[in-house]
Protein backbone atom coordinates (compact mmCIF):
# COMPACT_ATOMS: atom_id res chain seq x y z
CA MET A 1 5.87 -13.48 1.84
CA ASN A 2 2.47 -13.30 0.52
CA THR A 3 0.54 -9.99 0.08
CA VAL A 4 -2.60 -9.58 1.95
CA LYS A 5 -5.26 -6.91 2.17
CA GLY A 6 -4.22 -4.47 4.41
CA MET A 7 -0.72 -5.23 4.15
CA VAL A 8 1.98 -2.22 3.66
CA VAL A 9 4.05 -2.59 0.38
CA LYS A 10 6.54 -0.92 -1.76
CA SER A 11 6.30 -0.22 -5.29
CA THR A 12 9.76 -1.34 -6.75
CA ALA A 13 9.02 -0.54 -10.74
CA GLY A 14 7.00 1.75 -12.43
CA ARG A 15 6.39 5.87 -11.97
CA ASP A 16 5.86 5.28 -8.41
CA SER A 17 8.85 3.41 -7.67
CA GLY A 18 10.12 3.42 -3.75
CA GLY A 19 6.54 4.59 -2.73
CA TYR A 20 4.78 3.08 0.24
CA PHE A 21 1.27 1.74 -0.47
CA VAL A 22 -1.28 -0.45 1.11
CA ALA A 23 -2.95 -3.32 -0.49
CA THR A 24 -6.57 -2.63 -0.95
CA GLU A 25 -7.59 -5.99 -3.12
CA VAL A 26 -5.55 -8.90 -3.91
CA SER A 27 -5.72 -11.27 -6.67
CA ASP A 28 -3.57 -13.92 -8.44
CA ASP A 29 -2.51 -11.41 -11.23
CA ARG A 30 -3.02 -7.79 -9.69
CA ILE A 31 -3.08 -5.93 -6.43
CA LEU A 32 -4.91 -3.18 -6.08
CA ILE A 33 -2.82 -0.53 -4.05
CA ALA A 34 -3.41 3.07 -2.67
CA ASP A 35 -1.84 6.03 -0.77
CA GLY A 36 -4.52 8.35 0.29
CA GLY A 37 -2.94 11.07 -1.64
CA GLU A 38 -2.22 10.68 -5.38
CA ARG A 39 -3.40 7.15 -5.20
CA PRO A 40 -7.07 7.45 -3.26
CA LEU A 41 -9.17 4.39 -1.71
CA GLU A 42 -11.69 5.20 -4.32
CA ARG A 43 -9.33 4.98 -7.54
CA PRO A 44 -6.30 2.64 -6.67
CA LYS A 45 -3.59 1.74 -8.97
CA LYS A 46 -3.34 -2.07 -10.38
CA LYS A 47 -0.07 -3.26 -9.92
CA ASN A 48 1.47 -6.52 -10.92
CA PRO A 49 2.64 -8.58 -7.90
CA LYS A 50 6.09 -9.16 -9.19
CA HIS A 51 6.36 -4.98 -8.75
CA ILE A 52 6.02 -4.66 -5.12
CA SER A 53 7.67 -5.81 -2.20
CA PRO A 54 5.86 -6.60 0.86
CA THR A 55 7.27 -4.75 4.38
CA GLY A 56 5.34 -7.03 6.73
CA MET A 57 3.17 -4.24 8.60
CA ARG A 58 -0.60 -4.12 8.36
CA ILE A 59 -3.05 -1.77 8.44
CA ASP A 60 -6.90 -2.41 9.34
CA THR A 61 -8.82 -1.31 6.20
CA ASP A 62 -12.00 -1.67 7.88
CA GLY A 63 -13.68 1.89 7.67
CA LEU A 64 -10.51 3.72 6.51
CA THR A 65 -10.23 7.15 4.97
CA ASN A 66 -7.66 8.78 2.66
CA LYS A 67 -6.31 11.09 5.38
CA ARG A 68 -6.33 8.43 7.79
CA LEU A 69 -4.31 6.29 5.77
CA ARG A 70 -1.72 9.11 4.82
CA ARG A 71 -1.26 9.45 8.63
CA LEU A 72 -0.79 5.94 9.19
CA LEU A 73 1.32 5.38 6.34
CA GLY A 74 3.56 8.24 7.42
CA GLU A 75 3.76 7.07 11.20
CA LEU A 76 4.55 3.51 9.99
CA LEU A 77 7.46 4.54 7.90
CA ASN A 78 8.69 7.10 10.33
CA LYS A 79 8.66 4.33 13.27
CA ALA A 80 10.71 1.89 10.70
CA GLU A 81 13.20 4.45 9.92
CA THR A 82 14.30 4.77 13.53
């Protein structure tokens, strides 16, 4: 599955391994990810596409704030667990 802007991804490598993020920008060699907390939208983390796993869930990134991103990620993950 290709990663696109707004897709929720799981980090599979690095210090943030196991965390869930949203892809804010996608290029061939790097994906920028943010979670609204430690990695806010203003300061996304660069990740190698090999080190993330797409979940298939999407978030609309238009007008997205850090607070709303944290809430949406929490809701999506709670819903996925049940």
